[in-house]
């Protein structure tokens, strides 16, 4: 199982050079890679956010063949890097570059799991960690759960430019606050937002109870949330039966095969779930919709 708890308390009083990790050489390589791919990039390297989402896949390939060739790298190393790099003094475009590098590391970790015949399934619990662009443009994972993070553009463009790995990922964000998180621009992605908003105060005003969330549970089929600042409780599914709609009804007869009522119940019952329970719910979604969309072909 690939599950991570990024406790914010671990950051208190810890400086990057003082972090204790199982394999110091691996951690040093992570920092070296960060310096290579982030600090050496100029602010004018990219024309904009949308022009760089293919970068993590390229970086992960390069890391595989250079710094991390024949070097162990796993989810614990990734956990250590995320904890430490969240405290880096970054500004301007460097927070985007840091996010792209985190996406490359998640891609590398996922690819290695797949090469071992394992599922690339992750649950990261940030406990309030601030990390803009976290895992930006990452690919190759089967399931990714992000909870309790803050910052703009978190979990965006997952598997978006990965032609060699067309599998349908499930991306579930819960209790994530910041603008434009979870841009599920991959038409083959199953995306979920639970208890998410631009800021916590506005969210709690709009959704004071779980009943209000149940009444405002949005379902989108065949439309990405690209450019939308989706909030609250939202399920994004690939196009089904030729139908594309920014909002569908749970009981819509033409979408009966998607079992939307069943899915909504599963997700709303997961709002107070543990990390393991959330990961299990995401696995259930992947198994369910893999079968549904395969049968549709």
C-alpha atoms as a PDB file:
ATOM      1  CA  UNK A   1       0.000   0.000   0.000  1.00  0.00           C
ATOM      2  CA  UNK A   2       1.210   3.474  -0.835  1.00  0.00           C
ATOM      3  CA  UNK A   3      -0.099   5.859   1.769  1.00  0.00           C
ATOM      4  CA  UNK A   4       1.469   8.976   3.255  1.00  0.00           C
ATOM      5  CA  UNK A   5       0.658  11.176   6.240  1.00  0.00           C
ATOM      6  CA  UNK A   6       2.419  14.496   5.853  1.00  0.00           C
ATOM      7  CA  UNK A   7       2.036  15.764   9.412  1.00  0.00           C
ATOM      8  CA  UNK A   8       2.599  19.495   9.554  1.00  0.00           C
ATOM      9  CA  UNK A   9       4.008  19.130  13.042  1.00  0.00           C
ATOM     10  CA  UNK A  10       7.057  17.415  11.545  1.00  0.00           C
ATOM     11  CA  UNK A  11       8.083  20.704  10.021  1.00  0.00           C
ATOM     12  CA  UNK A  12       8.404  22.540  13.317  1.00  0.00           C
ATOM     13  CA  UNK A  13      12.032  23.204  14.083  1.00  0.00           C
ATOM     14  CA  UNK A  14      13.293  21.098  11.183  1.00  0.00           C
ATOM     15  CA  UNK A  15      15.604  22.520   8.569  1.00  0.00           C
ATOM     16  CA  UNK A  16      16.238  20.717   5.296  1.00  0.00           C
ATOM     17  CA  UNK A  17      19.773  19.650   6.185  1.00  0.00           C
ATOM     18  CA  UNK A  18      18.601  18.276   9.535  1.00  0.00           C
ATOM     19  CA  UNK A  19      15.896  15.934   8.289  1.00  0.00           C
ATOM     20  CA  UNK A  20      16.503  12.337   9.210  1.00  0.00           C
ATOM     21  CA  UNK A  21      15.739   9.962   6.366  1.00  0.00           C
ATOM     22  CA  UNK A  22      16.336   6.280   5.867  1.00  0.00           C
ATOM     23  CA  UNK A  23      18.628   6.797   2.908  1.00  0.00           C
ATOM     24  CA  UNK A  24      20.583  10.020   3.116  1.00  0.00           C
ATOM     25  CA  UNK A  25      22.106   9.625  -0.329  1.00  0.00           C
ATOM     26  CA  UNK A  26      18.665   9.373  -1.923  1.00  0.00           C
ATOM     27  CA  UNK A  27      17.527  12.532  -0.163  1.00  0.00           C
ATOM     28  CA  UNK A  28      20.659  14.360  -1.258  1.00  0.00           C
ATOM     29  CA  UNK A  29      19.912  13.305  -4.834  1.00  0.00           C
ATOM     30  CA  UNK A  30      16.394  14.706  -4.482  1.00  0.00           C
ATOM     31  CA  UNK A  31      17.818  18.065  -3.434  1.00  0.00           C
ATOM     32  CA  UNK A  32      20.394  17.943  -6.208  1.00  0.00           C
ATOM     33  CA  UNK A  33      17.647  17.279  -8.723  1.00  0.00           C
ATOM     34  CA  UNK A  34      15.647  20.164  -7.314  1.00  0.00           C
ATOM     35  CA  UNK A  35      18.611  22.472  -7.818  1.00  0.00           C
ATOM     36  CA  UNK A  36      19.088  21.244 -11.352  1.00  0.00           C
ATOM     37  CA  UNK A  37      15.508  21.458 -12.517  1.00  0.00           C
ATOM     38  CA  UNK A  38      14.226  24.383 -10.451  1.00  0.00           C
ATOM     39  CA  UNK A  39      16.925  26.812  -9.410  1.00  0.00           C
ATOM     40  CA  UNK A  40      18.517  26.884 -12.864  1.00  0.00           C
ATOM     41  CA  UNK A  41      15.252  27.673 -14.647  1.00  0.00           C
ATOM     42  CA  UNK A  42      14.731  31.327 -15.502  1.00  0.00           C
ATOM     43  CA  UNK A  43      11.425  33.078 -14.965  1.00  0.00           C
ATOM     44  CA  UNK A  44      11.004  33.391 -18.735  1.00  0.00           C
ATOM     45  CA  UNK A  45      11.460  29.665 -19.424  1.00  0.00           C
ATOM     46  CA  UNK A  46       7.735  29.070 -19.872  1.00  0.00           C
ATOM     47  CA  UNK A  47       5.090  31.150 -21.581  1.00  0.00           C
ATOM     48  CA  UNK A  48       2.494  30.174 -19.017  1.00  0.00           C
ATOM     49  CA  UNK A  49       1.062  27.432 -16.802  1.00  0.00           C
ATOM     50  CA  UNK A  50      -0.496  25.518 -19.677  1.00  0.00           C
ATOM     51  CA  UNK A  51       2.749  25.382 -21.594  1.00  0.00           C
ATOM     52  CA  UNK A  52       4.647  23.394 -18.991  1.00  0.00           C
ATOM     53  CA  UNK A  53       2.393  20.553 -17.876  1.00  0.00           C
ATOM     54  CA  UNK A  54       4.359  18.038 -19.952  1.00  0.00           C
ATOM     55  CA  UNK A  55       7.541  18.874 -18.009  1.00  0.00           C
ATOM     56  CA  UNK A  56       7.088  16.397 -15.077  1.00  0.00           C
ATOM     57  CA  UNK A  57       7.042  13.402 -17.419  1.00  0.00           C
ATOM     58  CA  UNK A  58      10.218  14.607 -19.125  1.00  0.00           C
ATOM     59  CA  UNK A  59      11.950  15.235 -15.794  1.00  0.00           C
ATOM     60  CA  UNK A  60      10.932  11.822 -14.430  1.00  0.00           C
ATOM     61  CA  UNK A  61      12.421  10.132 -17.500  1.00  0.00           C
ATOM     62  CA  UNK A  62      15.629  12.100 -17.064  1.00  0.00           C
ATOM     63  CA  UNK A  63      15.853  11.281 -13.352  1.00  0.00           C
ATOM     64  CA  UNK A  64      15.313   7.600 -14.123  1.00  0.00           C
ATOM     65  CA  UNK A  65      18.264   7.587 -16.509  1.00  0.00           C
ATOM     66  CA  UNK A  66      20.639   9.843 -14.555  1.00  0.00           C
ATOM     67  CA  UNK A  67      20.444  10.725 -10.854  1.00  0.00           C
ATOM     68  CA  UNK A  68      18.161   7.842  -9.870  1.00  0.00           C
ATOM     69  CA  UNK A  69      19.491   5.141 -12.132  1.00  0.00           C
ATOM     70  CA  UNK A  70      19.896   2.035  -9.934  1.00  0.00           C
ATOM     71  CA  UNK A  71      18.917   4.113  -6.863  1.00  0.00           C
ATOM     72  CA  UNK A  72      15.983   3.199  -4.639  1.00  0.00           C
ATOM     73  CA  UNK A  73      13.218   5.783  -4.602  1.00  0.00           C
ATOM     74  CA  UNK A  74       9.902   5.183  -2.889  1.00  0.00           C
ATOM     75  CA  UNK A  75       6.963   6.950  -1.243  1.00  0.00           C
ATOM     76  CA  UNK A  76       8.895   7.540   2.002  1.00  0.00           C
ATOM     77  CA  UNK A  77      11.559   9.493   0.115  1.00  0.00           C
ATOM     78  CA  UNK A  78       8.784  11.463  -1.604  1.00  0.00           C
ATOM     79  CA  UNK A  79       7.140  12.154   1.754  1.00  0.00           C
ATOM     80  CA  UNK A  80      10.393  13.534   3.166  1.00  0.00           C
ATOM     81  CA  UNK A  81      10.904  15.797   0.177  1.00  0.00           C
ATOM     82  CA  UNK A  82       7.361  17.226   0.273  1.00  0.00           C
ATOM     83  CA  UNK A  83       7.632  17.989   3.987  1.00  0.00           C
ATOM     84  CA  UNK A  84      10.952  19.761   3.593  1.00  0.00           C
ATOM     85  CA  UNK A  85      10.342  21.517   0.281  1.00  0.00           C
ATOM     86  CA  UNK A  86       7.080  23.016   1.587  1.00  0.00           C
ATOM     87  CA  UNK A  87       9.294  25.176   3.819  1.00  0.00           C
ATOM     88  CA  UNK A  88      11.537  26.363   0.980  1.00  0.00           C
ATOM     89  CA  UNK A  89      11.595  30.106   0.437  1.00  0.00           C
ATOM     90  CA  UNK A  90      10.063  30.291  -3.046  1.00  0.00           C
ATOM     91  CA  UNK A  91       8.408  33.191  -4.795  1.00  0.00           C
ATOM     92  CA  UNK A  92       7.238  34.178  -8.242  1.00  0.00           C
ATOM     93  CA  UNK A  93       7.442  31.289 -10.685  1.00  0.00           C
ATOM     94  CA  UNK A  94       9.598  29.113  -8.417  1.00  0.00           C
ATOM     95  CA  UNK A  95       6.560  27.768  -6.598  1.00  0.00           C
ATOM     96  CA  UNK A  96       5.333  26.504  -9.976  1.00  0.00           C
ATOM     97  CA  UNK A  97       8.732  24.937 -10.687  1.00  0.00           C
ATOM     98  CA  UNK A  98       8.740  23.285  -7.256  1.00  0.00           C
ATOM     99  CA  UNK A  99       5.260  21.902  -7.984  1.00  0.00           C
ATOM    100  CA  UNK A 100       6.385  20.568 -11.354  1.00  0.00           C
ATOM    101  CA  UNK A 101       9.331  18.844  -9.686  1.00  0.00           C
ATOM    102  CA  UNK A 102       6.994  17.263  -7.105  1.00  0.00           C
ATOM    103  CA  UNK A 103       4.878  16.057 -10.051  1.00  0.00           C
ATOM    104  CA  UNK A 104       7.954  14.522 -11.629  1.00  0.00           C
ATOM    105  CA  UNK A 105       8.811  12.690  -8.401  1.00  0.00           C
ATOM    106  CA  UNK A 106       5.286  11.303  -8.049  1.00  0.00           C
ATOM    107  CA  UNK A 107       5.453  10.211 -11.692  1.00  0.00           C
ATOM    108  CA  UNK A 108       8.774   8.457 -11.112  1.00  0.00           C
ATOM    109  CA  UNK A 109       7.456   6.702  -7.997  1.00  0.00           C
ATOM    110  CA  UNK A 110       4.303   5.639  -9.866  1.00  0.00           C
ATOM    111  CA  UNK A 111       6.200   4.311 -12.871  1.00  0.00           C
ATOM    112  CA  UNK A 112       8.436   2.196 -10.664  1.00  0.00           C
ATOM    113  CA  UNK A 113       5.448   0.687  -8.885  1.00  0.00           C
ATOM    114  CA  UNK A 114       3.864  -0.148 -12.238  1.00  0.00           C
ATOM    115  CA  UNK A 115       7.104  -1.741 -13.421  1.00  0.00           C
ATOM    116  CA  UNK A 116       6.938  -4.001 -10.357  1.00  0.00           C
ATOM    117  CA  UNK A 117       3.417  -5.051 -11.289  1.00  0.00           C
ATOM    118  CA  UNK A 118       1.866  -3.036  -8.441  1.00  0.00           C
ATOM    119  CA  UNK A 119      -0.893  -0.453  -8.385  1.00  0.00           C
ATOM    120  CA  UNK A 120       0.226   3.162  -8.043  1.00  0.00           C
ATOM    121  CA  UNK A 121      -2.197   4.211  -5.291  1.00  0.00           C
ATOM    122  CA  UNK A 122      -1.470   7.142  -3.017  1.00  0.00           C
ATOM    123  CA  UNK A 123      -3.136   9.011  -0.183  1.00  0.00           C
ATOM    124  CA  UNK A 124      -1.361  12.160   0.986  1.00  0.00           C
ATOM    125  CA  UNK A 125      -2.646  13.920   4.115  1.00  0.00           C
ATOM    126  CA  UNK A 126      -1.108  17.367   4.424  1.00  0.00           C
ATOM    127  CA  UNK A 127      -2.593  18.320   7.817  1.00  0.00           C
ATOM    128  CA  UNK A 128      -2.914  21.906   6.574  1.00  0.00           C
ATOM    129  CA  UNK A 129       0.348  22.067   4.635  1.00  0.00           C
ATOM    130  CA  UNK A 130       0.629  24.975   2.173  1.00  0.00           C
ATOM    131  CA  UNK A 131       1.975  23.742  -1.169  1.00  0.00           C
ATOM    132  CA  UNK A 132       0.881  25.575  -4.353  1.00  0.00           C
ATOM    133  CA  UNK A 133       1.008  23.479  -7.546  1.00  0.00           C
ATOM    134  CA  UNK A 134       1.500  20.255  -5.591  1.00  0.00           C
ATOM    135  CA  UNK A 135       1.997  17.317  -8.013  1.00  0.00           C
ATOM    136  CA  UNK A 136       1.367  19.564 -11.003  1.00  0.00           C
ATOM    137  CA  UNK A 137       1.220  17.504 -14.204  1.00  0.00           C
ATOM    138  CA  UNK A 138       1.997  14.162 -12.507  1.00  0.00           C
ATOM    139  CA  UNK A 139       1.138  10.945 -14.328  1.00  0.00           C
ATOM    140  CA  UNK A 140       1.077   7.136 -14.191  1.00  0.00           C
ATOM    141  CA  UNK A 141      -0.814   6.809 -10.905  1.00  0.00           C
ATOM    142  CA  UNK A 142      -4.002   4.734 -10.650  1.00  0.00           C
ATOM    143  CA  UNK A 143      -5.426   6.480  -7.602  1.00  0.00           C
ATOM    144  CA  UNK A 144      -4.410   9.768  -5.989  1.00  0.00           C
ATOM    145  CA  UNK A 145      -6.090  11.113  -2.852  1.00  0.00           C
ATOM    146  CA  UNK A 146      -5.070  14.552  -1.578  1.00  0.00           C
ATOM    147  CA  UNK A 147      -6.528  15.822   1.684  1.00  0.00           C
ATOM    148  CA  UNK A 148      -5.951  18.735   4.038  1.00  0.00           C
ATOM    149  CA  UNK A 149      -3.788  20.887   1.791  1.00  0.00           C
ATOM    150  CA  UNK A 150      -3.846  24.609   1.103  1.00  0.00           C
ATOM    151  CA  UNK A 151      -2.648  26.529  -1.931  1.00  0.00           C
ATOM    152  CA  UNK A 152      -3.593  27.390  -5.487  1.00  0.00           C
ATOM    153  CA  UNK A 153      -3.503  24.917  -8.386  1.00  0.00           C
ATOM    154  CA  UNK A 154      -3.145  21.792  -6.242  1.00  0.00           C
ATOM    155  CA  UNK A 155      -3.419  18.451  -8.066  1.00  0.00           C
ATOM    156  CA  UNK A 156      -3.843  19.935 -11.535  1.00  0.00           C
ATOM    157  CA  UNK A 157      -3.442  18.360 -15.000  1.00  0.00           C
ATOM    158  CA  UNK A 158      -3.001  14.785 -13.762  1.00  0.00           C
ATOM    159  CA  UNK A 159      -2.126  12.363 -16.611  1.00  0.00           C
ATOM    160  CA  UNK A 160      -2.964  15.183 -19.018  1.00  0.00           C
ATOM    161  CA  UNK A 161      -0.106  14.753 -21.486  1.00  0.00           C
ATOM    162  CA  UNK A 162       0.828  11.138 -20.907  1.00  0.00           C
ATOM    163  CA  UNK A 163       0.173   9.278 -24.162  1.00  0.00           C
ATOM    164  CA  UNK A 164       2.001   6.150 -23.016  1.00  0.00           C
ATOM    165  CA  UNK A 165      -0.216   5.730 -19.959  1.00  0.00           C
ATOM    166  CA  UNK A 166      -3.837   6.234 -21.025  1.00  0.00           C
ATOM    167  CA  UNK A 167      -5.342   4.470 -18.009  1.00  0.00           C
ATOM    168  CA  UNK A 168      -8.256   6.149 -16.266  1.00  0.00           C
ATOM    169  CA  UNK A 169      -6.970   7.609 -12.975  1.00  0.00           C
ATOM    170  CA  UNK A 170      -9.160   8.494 -10.009  1.00  0.00           C
ATOM    171  CA  UNK A 171      -8.185  11.820  -8.438  1.00  0.00           C
ATOM    172  CA  UNK A 172      -9.935  12.634  -5.164  1.00  0.00           C
ATOM    173  CA  UNK A 173      -9.402  15.922  -3.322  1.00  0.00           C
ATOM    174  CA  UNK A 174     -10.936  16.523   0.075  1.00  0.00           C
ATOM    175  CA  UNK A 175     -10.584  19.448   2.445  1.00  0.00           C
ATOM    176  CA  UNK A 176      -8.325  21.212  -0.067  1.00  0.00           C
ATOM    177  CA  UNK A 177      -8.575  24.995  -0.108  1.00  0.00           C
ATOM    178  CA  UNK A 178      -7.189  27.330  -2.745  1.00  0.00           C
ATOM    179  CA  UNK A 179      -8.149  28.585  -6.179  1.00  0.00           C
ATOM    180  CA  UNK A 180      -8.239  26.334  -9.220  1.00  0.00           C
ATOM    181  CA  UNK A 181      -7.403  23.065  -7.532  1.00  0.00           C
ATOM    182  CA  UNK A 182      -8.030  19.764  -9.244  1.00  0.00           C
ATOM    183  CA  UNK A 183      -8.274  20.951 -12.855  1.00  0.00           C
ATOM    184  CA  UNK A 184      -9.355  17.608 -14.262  1.00  0.00           C
ATOM    185  CA  UNK A 185      -8.564  18.509 -17.850  1.00  0.00           C
ATOM    186  CA  UNK A 186      -7.914  14.887 -18.797  1.00  0.00           C
ATOM    187  CA  UNK A 187     -11.108  13.662 -20.481  1.00  0.00           C
ATOM    188  CA  UNK A 188     -10.354  10.148 -19.250  1.00  0.00           C
ATOM    189  CA  UNK A 189     -10.065  11.122 -15.588  1.00  0.00           C
ATOM    190  CA  UNK A 190     -12.536  10.442 -12.786  1.00  0.00           C
ATOM    191  CA  UNK A 191     -12.262  13.497 -10.562  1.00  0.00           C
ATOM    192  CA  UNK A 192     -13.797  14.182  -7.165  1.00  0.00           C
ATOM    193  CA  UNK A 193     -13.912  17.284  -4.998  1.00  0.00           C
ATOM    194  CA  UNK A 194     -15.212  16.815  -1.453  1.00  0.00           C
ATOM    195  CA  UNK A 195     -15.350  19.669   1.006  1.00  0.00           C
ATOM    196  CA  UNK A 196     -13.180  21.911  -1.178  1.00  0.00           C
ATOM    197  CA  UNK A 197     -13.271  25.644  -1.797  1.00  0.00           C
ATOM    198  CA  UNK A 198     -11.303  28.783  -2.507  1.00  0.00           C
ATOM    199  CA  UNK A 199     -11.143  29.434   1.233  1.00  0.00           C
ATOM    200  CA  UNK A 200     -12.476  27.646   4.283  1.00  0.00           C
ATOM    201  CA  UNK A 201     -14.584  30.522   5.643  1.00  0.00           C
ATOM    202  CA  UNK A 202     -16.587  30.960   2.437  1.00  0.00           C
ATOM    203  CA  UNK A 203     -17.014  27.205   2.125  1.00  0.00           C
ATOM    204  CA  UNK A 204     -18.413  26.802   5.643  1.00  0.00           C
ATOM    205  CA  UNK A 205     -20.874  29.615   4.983  1.00  0.00           C
ATOM    206  CA  UNK A 206     -22.123  27.972   1.796  1.00  0.00           C
ATOM    207  CA  UNK A 207     -22.138  24.414   3.136  1.00  0.00           C
ATOM    208  CA  UNK A 208     -22.992  24.566   6.862  1.00  0.00           C
ATOM    209  CA  UNK A 209     -24.226  20.951   7.057  1.00  0.00           C
ATOM    210  CA  UNK A 210     -23.813  17.661   5.224  1.00  0.00           C
ATOM    211  CA  UNK A 211     -27.460  17.961   4.106  1.00  0.00           C
ATOM    212  CA  UNK A 212     -26.632  21.167   2.255  1.00  0.00           C
ATOM    213  CA  UNK A 213     -23.788  19.314   0.559  1.00  0.00           C
ATOM    214  CA  UNK A 214     -26.113  16.471  -0.426  1.00  0.00           C
ATOM    215  CA  UNK A 215     -28.535  18.937  -1.992  1.00  0.00           C
ATOM    216  CA  UNK A 216     -25.737  20.659  -3.941  1.00  0.00           C
ATOM    217  CA  UNK A 217     -23.719  17.663  -5.099  1.00  0.00           C
ATOM    218  CA  UNK A 218     -22.723  18.505  -8.676  1.00  0.00           C
ATOM    219  CA  UNK A 219     -22.068  15.887 -11.346  1.00  0.00           C
ATOM    220  CA  UNK A 220     -20.371  16.712 -14.629  1.00  0.00           C
ATOM    221  CA  UNK A 221     -20.069  14.248 -17.520  1.00  0.00           C
ATOM    222  CA  UNK A 222     -17.716  14.750 -20.452  1.00  0.00           C
ATOM    223  CA  UNK A 223     -16.652  18.257 -19.463  1.00  0.00           C
ATOM    224  CA  UNK A 224     -13.429  19.083 -17.642  1.00  0.00           C
ATOM    225  CA  UNK A 225     -13.415  21.737 -14.943  1.00  0.00           C
ATOM    226  CA  UNK A 226     -10.677  23.506 -16.828  1.00  0.00           C
ATOM    227  CA  UNK A 227     -10.891  27.197 -16.027  1.00  0.00           C
ATOM    228  CA  UNK A 228     -13.497  26.657 -13.316  1.00  0.00           C
ATOM    229  CA  UNK A 229     -12.943  27.264  -9.636  1.00  0.00           C
ATOM    230  CA  UNK A 230     -15.008  24.288  -8.580  1.00  0.00           C
ATOM    231  CA  UNK A 231     -15.961  24.104  -4.946  1.00  0.00           C
ATOM    232  CA  UNK A 232     -18.042  22.067  -2.565  1.00  0.00           C
ATOM    233  CA  UNK A 233     -18.908  18.543  -3.688  1.00  0.00           C
ATOM    234  CA  UNK A 234     -18.350  17.701  -7.334  1.00  0.00           C
ATOM    235  CA  UNK A 235     -17.917  14.511  -9.383  1.00  0.00           C
ATOM    236  CA  UNK A 236     -16.332  14.671 -12.845  1.00  0.00           C
ATOM    237  CA  UNK A 237     -16.782  11.705 -15.180  1.00  0.00           C
ATOM    238  CA  UNK A 238     -15.645  11.062 -18.769  1.00  0.00           C
ATOM    239  CA  UNK A 239     -18.126  11.342 -21.633  1.00  0.00           C
ATOM    240  CA  UNK A 240     -20.709   8.557 -21.527  1.00  0.00           C
ATOM    241  CA  UNK A 241     -22.989   7.385 -24.318  1.00  0.00           C
ATOM    242  CA  UNK A 242     -22.105  10.441 -26.344  1.00  0.00           C
ATOM    243  CA  UNK A 243     -23.398  12.685 -23.544  1.00  0.00           C
ATOM    244  CA  UNK A 244     -21.449  15.736 -22.444  1.00  0.00           C
ATOM    245  CA  UNK A 245     -23.029  17.976 -19.849  1.00  0.00           C
ATOM    246  CA  UNK A 246     -21.692  20.429 -17.281  1.00  0.00           C
ATOM    247  CA  UNK A 247     -24.451  19.347 -14.906  1.00  0.00           C
ATOM    248  CA  UNK A 248     -26.526  16.175 -14.910  1.00  0.00           C
ATOM    249  CA  UNK A 249     -29.233  14.888 -12.612  1.00  0.00           C
ATOM    250  CA  UNK A 250     -28.585  11.819 -10.477  1.00  0.00           C
ATOM    251  CA  UNK A 251     -31.723  10.105 -11.742  1.00  0.00           C
ATOM    252  CA  UNK A 252     -31.239  10.944 -15.418  1.00  0.00           C
ATOM    253  CA  UNK A 253     -32.389   7.848 -17.327  1.00  0.00           C
ATOM    254  CA  UNK A 254     -29.824   8.187 -20.124  1.00  0.00           C
ATOM    255  CA  UNK A 255     -27.063   7.959 -17.515  1.00  0.00           C
ATOM    256  CA  UNK A 256     -28.495   5.066 -15.519  1.00  0.00           C
ATOM    257  CA  UNK A 257     -25.457   2.946 -16.366  1.00  0.00           C
ATOM    258  CA  UNK A 258     -23.181   5.318 -14.436  1.00  0.00           C
ATOM    259  CA  UNK A 259     -24.908   4.429 -11.119  1.00  0.00           C
ATOM    260  CA  UNK A 260     -24.713   8.030  -9.954  1.00  0.00           C
ATOM    261  CA  UNK A 261     -26.903   7.648  -6.865  1.00  0.00           C
ATOM    262  CA  UNK A 262     -24.663   4.846  -5.605  1.00  0.00           C
ATOM    263  CA  UNK A 263     -21.542   6.913  -6.261  1.00  0.00           C
ATOM    264  CA  UNK A 264     -22.918  10.012  -4.558  1.00  0.00           C
ATOM    265  CA  UNK A 265     -23.805   7.994  -1.457  1.00  0.00           C
ATOM    266  CA  UNK A 266     -20.318   6.462  -1.336  1.00  0.00           C
ATOM    267  CA  UNK A 267     -18.624   9.856  -1.567  1.00  0.00           C
ATOM    268  CA  UNK A 268     -20.842  11.693   0.918  1.00  0.00           C
ATOM    269  CA  UNK A 269     -20.352   8.847   3.399  1.00  0.00           C
ATOM    270  CA  UNK A 270     -16.579   9.349   2.971  1.00  0.00           C
ATOM    271  CA  UNK A 271     -16.426  13.000   4.019  1.00  0.00           C
ATOM    272  CA  UNK A 272     -15.295  12.115   7.554  1.00  0.00           C
ATOM    273  CA  UNK A 273     -13.404   8.980   6.564  1.00  0.00           C
ATOM    274  CA  UNK A 274      -9.884   8.023   7.600  1.00  0.00           C
ATOM    275  CA  UNK A 275      -7.037   8.080   5.075  1.00  0.00           C
ATOM    276  CA  UNK A 276      -7.377   4.337   4.550  1.00  0.00           C
ATOM    277  CA  UNK A 277     -11.145   4.577   4.089  1.00  0.00           C
ATOM    278  CA  UNK A 278     -10.749   7.388   1.552  1.00  0.00           C
ATOM    279  CA  UNK A 279      -8.208   5.362  -0.371  1.00  0.00           C
ATOM    280  CA  UNK A 280     -10.584   2.408  -0.346  1.00  0.00           C
ATOM    281  CA  UNK A 281     -13.425   4.594  -1.659  1.00  0.00           C
ATOM    282  CA  UNK A 282     -11.195   5.824  -4.489  1.00  0.00           C
ATOM    283  CA  UNK A 283     -10.233   2.232  -5.344  1.00  0.00           C
ATOM    284  CA  UNK A 284     -13.919   1.302  -5.491  1.00  0.00           C
ATOM    285  CA  UNK A 285     -14.549   4.195  -7.889  1.00  0.00           C
ATOM    286  CA  UNK A 286     -11.712   3.114 -10.152  1.00  0.00           C
ATOM    287  CA  UNK A 287     -12.846  -0.506 -10.294  1.00  0.00           C
ATOM    288  CA  UNK A 288     -16.456   0.536 -10.866  1.00  0.00           C
ATOM    289  CA  UNK A 289     -15.871   3.056 -13.640  1.00  0.00           C
ATOM    290  CA  UNK A 290     -13.172   1.024 -15.351  1.00  0.00           C
ATOM    291  CA  UNK A 291     -15.795  -1.713 -15.829  1.00  0.00           C
ATOM    292  CA  UNK A 292     -18.533   0.706 -16.869  1.00  0.00           C
ATOM    293  CA  UNK A 293     -16.462   2.468 -19.505  1.00  0.00           C
ATOM    294  CA  UNK A 294     -14.897  -0.733 -20.790  1.00  0.00           C
ATOM    295  CA  UNK A 295     -18.370  -2.191 -21.321  1.00  0.00           C
ATOM    296  CA  UNK A 296     -19.378   0.940 -23.188  1.00  0.00           C
ATOM    297  CA  UNK A 297     -16.731   0.433 -25.896  1.00  0.00           C
END
